[in-house]
Protein backbone atom coordinates (compact mmCIF):
# COMPACT_ATOMS: atom_id res chain seq x y z
CA UNK A 1 24.72 -11.09 60.81
CA UNK A 2 23.25 -14.59 60.70
CA UNK A 3 19.75 -14.74 59.21
CA UNK A 4 18.77 -16.99 62.13
CA UNK A 5 19.10 -14.07 64.57
CA UNK A 6 15.68 -12.51 65.10
CA UNK A 7 15.69 -8.77 65.70
CA UNK A 8 12.83 -6.47 66.61
CA UNK A 9 13.05 -2.72 66.14
CA UNK A 10 10.68 -0.64 68.27
CA UNK A 11 10.11 3.11 67.91
CA UNK A 12 8.13 5.25 70.34
CA UNK A 13 6.31 8.02 68.46
CA UNK A 14 3.99 10.98 68.93
CA UNK A 15 3.50 13.57 66.17
CA UNK A 16 6.84 12.68 64.63
CA UNK A 17 6.73 15.33 61.91
CA UNK A 18 9.30 15.73 59.16
CA UNK A 19 12.20 14.25 61.11
CA UNK A 20 10.23 11.03 61.61
CA UNK A 21 10.01 10.62 57.84
CA UNK A 22 13.80 10.69 57.65
CA UNK A 23 14.13 8.35 60.63
CA UNK A 24 11.62 5.88 59.19
CA UNK A 25 13.44 5.76 55.87
CA UNK A 26 16.74 5.05 57.64
CA UNK A 27 15.14 2.26 59.68
CA UNK A 28 13.70 0.73 56.52
CA UNK A 29 17.15 0.80 54.90
CA UNK A 30 18.59 -0.99 57.96
CA UNK A 31 16.13 -3.88 57.82
CA UNK A 32 17.56 -7.31 57.02
CA UNK A 33 15.95 -10.77 56.86
CA UNK A 34 14.67 -11.61 60.35
CA UNK A 35 14.06 -7.97 61.28
CA UNK A 36 10.61 -6.65 62.24
CA UNK A 37 9.61 -3.07 63.06
CA UNK A 38 6.85 -1.97 65.43
CA UNK A 39 5.89 1.64 66.06
CA UNK A 40 4.33 2.34 69.47
CA UNK A 41 2.32 5.49 68.78
CA UNK A 42 0.48 7.64 71.34
CA UNK A 43 -2.42 8.71 69.12
CA UNK A 44 -0.48 11.05 66.84
CA UNK A 45 -2.55 13.73 65.12
CA UNK A 46 -0.23 14.10 62.13
CA UNK A 47 0.84 11.53 59.52
CA UNK A 48 3.19 9.59 61.84
CA UNK A 49 1.20 6.36 61.55
CA UNK A 50 0.78 6.76 57.80
CA UNK A 51 4.55 7.12 57.35
CA UNK A 52 5.14 4.00 59.45
CA UNK A 53 2.74 1.92 57.37
CA UNK A 54 4.25 3.31 54.16
CA UNK A 55 7.49 1.52 55.08
CA UNK A 56 5.72 -1.68 56.13
CA UNK A 57 6.04 -1.14 59.88
CA UNK A 58 3.41 -2.47 62.28
CA UNK A 59 1.63 0.28 64.24
CA UNK A 60 0.59 -0.41 67.83
CA UNK A 61 -1.46 2.51 69.13
CA UNK A 62 -1.78 3.35 72.81
CA UNK A 63 -3.80 6.16 74.48
CA UNK A 64 -1.79 9.30 75.23
CA UNK A 65 -2.81 8.94 78.86
CA UNK A 66 -1.06 5.55 79.06
CA UNK A 67 2.34 6.69 77.78
CA UNK A 68 5.12 6.03 80.23
CA UNK A 69 8.86 6.08 79.49
CA UNK A 70 9.45 2.65 80.97
CA UNK A 71 6.01 1.07 80.68
CA UNK A 72 5.56 1.89 77.00
CA UNK A 73 8.91 0.35 76.16
CA UNK A 74 7.97 -2.72 78.22
CA UNK A 75 5.00 -3.06 75.85
CA UNK A 76 7.42 -3.05 72.92
CA UNK A 77 9.64 -5.66 74.56
CA UNK A 78 6.61 -7.87 75.24
CA UNK A 79 5.51 -7.63 71.59
CA UNK A 80 8.96 -8.92 70.64
CA UNK A 81 9.31 -11.60 73.28
CA UNK A 82 10.00 -14.19 70.54
CA UNK A 83 13.01 -12.22 69.24
CA UNK A 84 16.65 -12.56 70.23
CA UNK A 85 17.35 -8.83 70.41
CA UNK A 86 15.23 -5.68 70.42
CA UNK A 87 16.57 -2.34 69.22
CA UNK A 88 14.86 0.73 70.69
CA UNK A 89 14.78 4.08 68.89
CA UNK A 90 13.09 7.43 69.35
CA UNK A 91 11.29 9.10 66.47
CA UNK A 92 13.99 11.77 66.09
CA UNK A 93 16.99 9.42 65.92
CA UNK A 94 18.17 8.94 62.32
CA UNK A 95 20.35 5.86 61.82
CA UNK A 96 23.56 7.08 60.20
CA UNK A 97 24.38 4.03 58.05
CA UNK A 98 22.55 1.10 56.49
CA UNK A 99 24.18 -1.36 58.89
CA UNK A 100 23.87 0.55 62.19
CA UNK A 101 21.36 -1.90 63.70
CA UNK A 102 23.30 -5.00 62.61
CA UNK A 103 26.54 -3.50 63.92
CA UNK A 104 25.03 -2.81 67.35
CA UNK A 105 23.48 -6.28 67.61
CA UNK A 106 26.69 -8.00 66.46
CA UNK A 107 28.64 -6.01 69.06
CA UNK A 108 26.27 -7.31 71.74
CA UNK A 109 26.51 -10.91 70.58
CA UNK A 110 30.30 -10.86 70.30
CA UNK A 111 30.69 -9.47 73.84
CA UNK A 112 27.79 -11.33 75.50
CA UNK A 113 26.05 -8.11 76.55
CA UNK A 114 22.57 -7.74 78.02
CA UNK A 115 22.19 -4.18 76.73
CA UNK A 116 24.16 -1.68 74.66
CA UNK A 117 23.76 1.77 73.17
CA UNK A 118 25.12 3.24 69.99
CA UNK A 119 26.93 6.44 69.20
CA UNK A 120 24.88 9.61 68.85
CA UNK A 121 26.01 12.23 66.36
CA UNK A 122 24.54 15.74 66.23
CA UNK A 123 21.81 16.47 63.70
CA UNK A 124 22.84 18.49 60.65
CA UNK A 125 21.17 21.59 62.11
CA UNK A 126 22.66 21.22 65.61
CA UNK A 127 24.17 24.35 67.11
CA UNK A 128 27.69 24.17 68.52
CA UNK A 129 26.47 23.69 72.10
CA UNK A 130 24.37 20.67 71.12
CA UNK A 131 27.11 19.29 68.85
CA UNK A 132 29.73 19.45 71.60
CA UNK A 133 27.47 17.58 74.02
CA UNK A 134 27.26 14.69 71.58
CA UNK A 135 30.99 14.61 70.83
CA UNK A 136 31.84 14.76 74.55
CA UNK A 137 29.42 12.04 75.68
CA UNK A 138 29.84 9.64 72.75
CA UNK A 139 33.50 8.95 72.17
CA UNK A 140 35.37 7.06 69.48
CA UNK A 141 36.15 4.02 71.65
CA UNK A 142 33.64 1.28 72.40
CA UNK A 143 33.22 0.26 76.05
CA UNK A 144 32.18 -2.78 78.07
CA UNK A 145 30.62 -2.09 81.48
CA UNK A 146 30.58 -4.49 84.43
CA UNK A 147 30.93 -4.32 88.19
CA UNK A 148 34.69 -3.87 87.95
CA UNK A 149 34.09 -0.64 85.98
CA UNK A 150 32.47 1.18 88.90
CA UNK A 151 35.62 2.44 90.73
CA UNK A 152 36.91 4.06 87.56
CA UNK A 153 33.75 5.15 85.75
CA UNK A 154 31.32 5.74 88.61
CA UNK A 155 27.78 6.53 87.51
CA UNK A 156 28.92 6.56 83.87
CA UNK A 157 29.06 2.77 84.24
CA UNK A 158 25.28 2.68 84.01
CA UNK A 159 24.76 5.30 81.32
CA UNK A 160 22.37 4.08 78.63
CA UNK A 161 20.29 5.88 76.01
CA UNK A 162 17.09 4.45 74.57
CA UNK A 163 17.28 6.91 71.70
CA UNK A 164 19.39 4.17 70.09
CA UNK A 165 19.93 1.05 72.17
CA UNK A 166 19.51 -2.71 72.07
CA UNK A 167 18.54 -5.38 74.59
CA UNK A 168 18.98 -9.13 74.70
CA UNK A 169 15.42 -10.34 75.23
CA UNK A 170 16.18 -13.33 77.47
CA UNK A 171 18.34 -11.22 79.81
CA UNK A 172 15.84 -8.35 79.77
CA UNK A 173 13.15 -10.67 81.08
CA UNK A 174 15.43 -12.16 83.74
CA UNK A 175 16.56 -8.75 85.00
CA UNK A 176 12.98 -7.53 85.27
CA UNK A 177 12.45 -5.02 82.47
CA UNK A 178 12.08 -1.27 82.71
CA UNK A 179 10.56 0.49 85.73
CA UNK A 180 7.07 1.90 85.19
CA UNK A 181 7.13 4.61 87.84
CA UNK A 182 10.09 6.80 86.87
CA UNK A 183 9.76 10.21 85.21
CA UNK A 184 12.60 9.32 82.80
CA UNK A 185 15.96 7.48 82.85
CA UNK A 186 14.33 4.06 82.55
CA UNK A 187 17.40 3.09 80.52
CA UNK A 188 19.84 4.02 83.32
CA UNK A 189 17.65 2.22 85.87
CA UNK A 190 17.75 -0.98 83.81
CA UNK A 191 21.50 -0.74 83.24
CA UNK A 192 22.05 -0.29 86.98
CA UNK A 193 19.94 -3.37 87.75
CA UNK A 194 21.85 -5.34 85.11
CA UNK A 195 25.25 -4.42 86.53
CA UNK A 196 24.03 -5.18 90.06
CA UNK A 197 23.09 -8.69 88.90
CA UNK A 198 26.49 -9.31 87.24
CA UNK A 199 25.37 -8.79 83.65
CA UNK A 200 27.37 -6.69 81.21
CA UNK A 201 26.34 -3.66 79.17
CA UNK A 202 28.24 -1.69 76.58
CA UNK A 203 28.71 1.24 74.21
CA UNK A 204 29.31 0.57 70.51
CA UNK A 205 31.11 3.49 68.87
CA UNK A 206 30.80 1.89 65.43
CA UNK A 207 26.98 2.00 65.34
CA UNK A 208 25.66 5.54 65.08
CA UNK A 209 22.47 7.57 64.83
CA UNK A 210 21.99 11.31 64.47
CA UNK A 211 20.18 12.59 67.54
CA UNK A 212 20.52 15.93 69.31
CA UNK A 213 18.47 18.86 70.63
CA UNK A 214 19.02 22.60 70.41
CA UNK A 215 17.59 23.09 73.89
CA UNK A 216 16.87 26.56 75.23
CA UNK A 217 18.14 27.49 78.69
CA UNK A 218 14.65 26.95 80.12
CA UNK A 219 14.40 23.53 78.47
CA UNK A 220 17.76 22.53 79.96
CA UNK A 221 16.51 23.64 83.38
CA UNK A 222 13.37 21.53 83.04
CA UNK A 223 15.24 18.49 81.73
CA UNK A 224 17.70 18.54 84.61
CA UNK A 225 14.92 19.19 87.11
CA UNK A 226 13.40 15.88 85.97
CA UNK A 227 16.78 14.14 86.23
CA UNK A 228 17.00 15.43 89.81
CA UNK A 229 13.52 14.02 90.48
CA UNK A 230 14.67 10.65 89.18
CA UNK A 231 17.75 10.59 91.39
CA UNK A 232 15.72 11.61 94.44
CA UNK A 233 13.27 8.78 93.80
CA UNK A 234 16.04 6.25 93.07
CA UNK A 235 18.83 7.21 95.53
CA UNK A 236 20.33 3.72 95.37
CA UNK A 237 21.78 4.44 91.93
CA UNK A 238 23.96 7.32 93.09
CA UNK A 239 24.90 5.41 96.23
CA UNK A 240 25.80 2.18 94.43
CA UNK A 241 27.49 3.83 91.46
CA UNK A 242 29.20 6.78 93.12
CA UNK A 243 29.62 9.61 90.63
CA UNK A 244 32.90 10.74 89.10
CA UNK A 245 33.27 14.20 90.66
CA UNK A 246 35.49 15.63 87.93
CA UNK A 247 33.09 14.84 85.07
CA UNK A 248 31.23 18.17 85.25
CA UNK A 249 34.39 20.27 85.22
CA UNK A 250 35.78 18.20 82.35
CA UNK A 251 32.63 18.88 80.35
CA UNK A 252 32.75 22.63 80.93
CA UNK A 253 36.45 22.91 80.04
CA UNK A 254 35.88 20.85 76.91
CA UNK A 255 32.83 22.91 75.96
CA UNK A 256 34.67 26.23 76.33
CA UNK A 257 37.51 24.98 74.16
CA UNK A 258 35.11 23.66 71.52
CA UNK A 259 33.04 26.85 71.38
CA UNK A 260 36.10 29.10 71.16
CA UNK A 261 37.06 27.18 68.02
CA UNK A 262 33.60 26.80 66.47
CA UNK A 263 31.28 29.55 67.72
CA UNK A 264 32.52 31.80 70.55
CA UNK A 265 29.31 33.83 70.41
CA UNK A 266 27.57 30.88 72.07
CA UNK A 267 29.75 31.00 75.19
CA UNK A 268 27.19 33.08 77.15
CA UNK A 269 24.44 30.61 76.19
CA UNK A 270 26.61 27.69 77.30
CA UNK A 271 27.25 29.41 80.65
CA UNK A 272 23.54 30.05 81.13
CA UNK A 273 22.65 26.49 80.14
CA UNK A 274 25.14 24.97 82.59
CA UNK A 275 23.86 27.18 85.41
CA UNK A 276 20.29 26.18 84.56
CA UNK A 277 21.23 22.49 84.57
CA UNK A 278 22.80 22.74 88.02
CA UNK A 279 19.95 24.75 89.53
CA UNK A 280 17.31 22.53 87.92
CA UNK A 281 19.00 19.37 89.14
CA UNK A 282 19.38 20.65 92.71
CA UNK A 283 15.71 21.70 92.80
CA UNK A 284 14.67 18.32 91.38
CA UNK A 285 16.46 16.63 94.26
CA UNK A 286 14.24 18.66 96.61
CA UNK A 287 10.97 18.37 94.68
CA UNK A 288 9.13 16.75 97.59
CA UNK A 289 9.43 19.97 99.58
CA UNK A 290 8.13 22.19 96.74
CA UNK A 291 4.50 23.08 95.96
CA UNK A 292 3.01 20.57 93.55
CA UNK A 293 1.85 23.29 91.15
CA UNK A 294 5.42 24.62 90.97
CA UNK A 295 6.86 21.14 90.43
CA UNK A 296 4.63 20.65 87.38
CA UNK A 297 5.68 24.02 85.94
CA UNK A 298 9.39 23.22 86.37
CA UNK A 299 9.12 19.75 84.81
CA UNK A 300 9.67 18.94 81.14
CA UNK A 301 7.32 15.95 81.46
CA UNK A 302 4.21 17.56 82.91
CA UNK A 303 1.90 14.69 81.99
CA UNK A 304 3.87 12.42 84.29
CA UNK A 305 2.57 14.25 87.37
CA UNK A 306 -1.04 13.43 86.50
CA UNK A 307 -0.30 9.89 85.34
CA UNK A 308 -0.92 6.57 87.06
CA UNK A 309 2.85 6.07 87.16
CA UNK A 310 3.28 8.99 89.58
CA UNK A 311 0.06 8.37 91.51
CA UNK A 312 0.34 4.64 91.94
């Protein structure tokens, strides 16, 4: 990568714990001349900020009450408005090589992309259910997304993950940044806006980070409830990027095959998780007709319902 390319790396943190120490070390090892790291921290009560400063990162603290999936990342993008590219990471994403950031940014530059996300590998302690989800969703082939991709890839055209992603600053500003009123999926929202406006996005299979969750069945329910809320609030995304109907069945068939080989005892858990996802998502799509107290209990992001983002 040319030393003239200016790259910002932004990490959103809150009580990062032990995994943040590993992630911070990997980020430090990825830094090259022209790179700068800012940690946007929501008043952590552990040593998250201390670890960041230990590696020479700048800490930008915000009140917990002001955290917002899209708005907080807009703050990061504004702090780096003088950069060419900004790489976004979550505190539990551990870059897998010393050149992961450079590889992702080079991929963007070579293909003239406005945004791109890297490959996500399962953490070392991931169970077989979590590992399969990563292998299924993050393949070995890189992809370029544009309007012509929609008939074939449907809503997968606008998949994006801010656990490890990058944005071209000039295009980000032109497209309009992240939304500040969504419960999650600010990355998908931005990708959809980019594709609508004839920009290109992509997936770089050669740049990887370890990032996965051993979610319980209840956690899967809550996560998909929130995804349903997002799609209810932003119906234009499903309408514009009509989903690929066979994707769910492909996932389940692939998961069964993978678990039979690696851990068949987890088949009941996988069945329960998939049922919880479907029920949670369907209920999320109908959240407006549910009691507010119940909505908060079913949501993974409870603070959102009391935030200015929801009440604006």
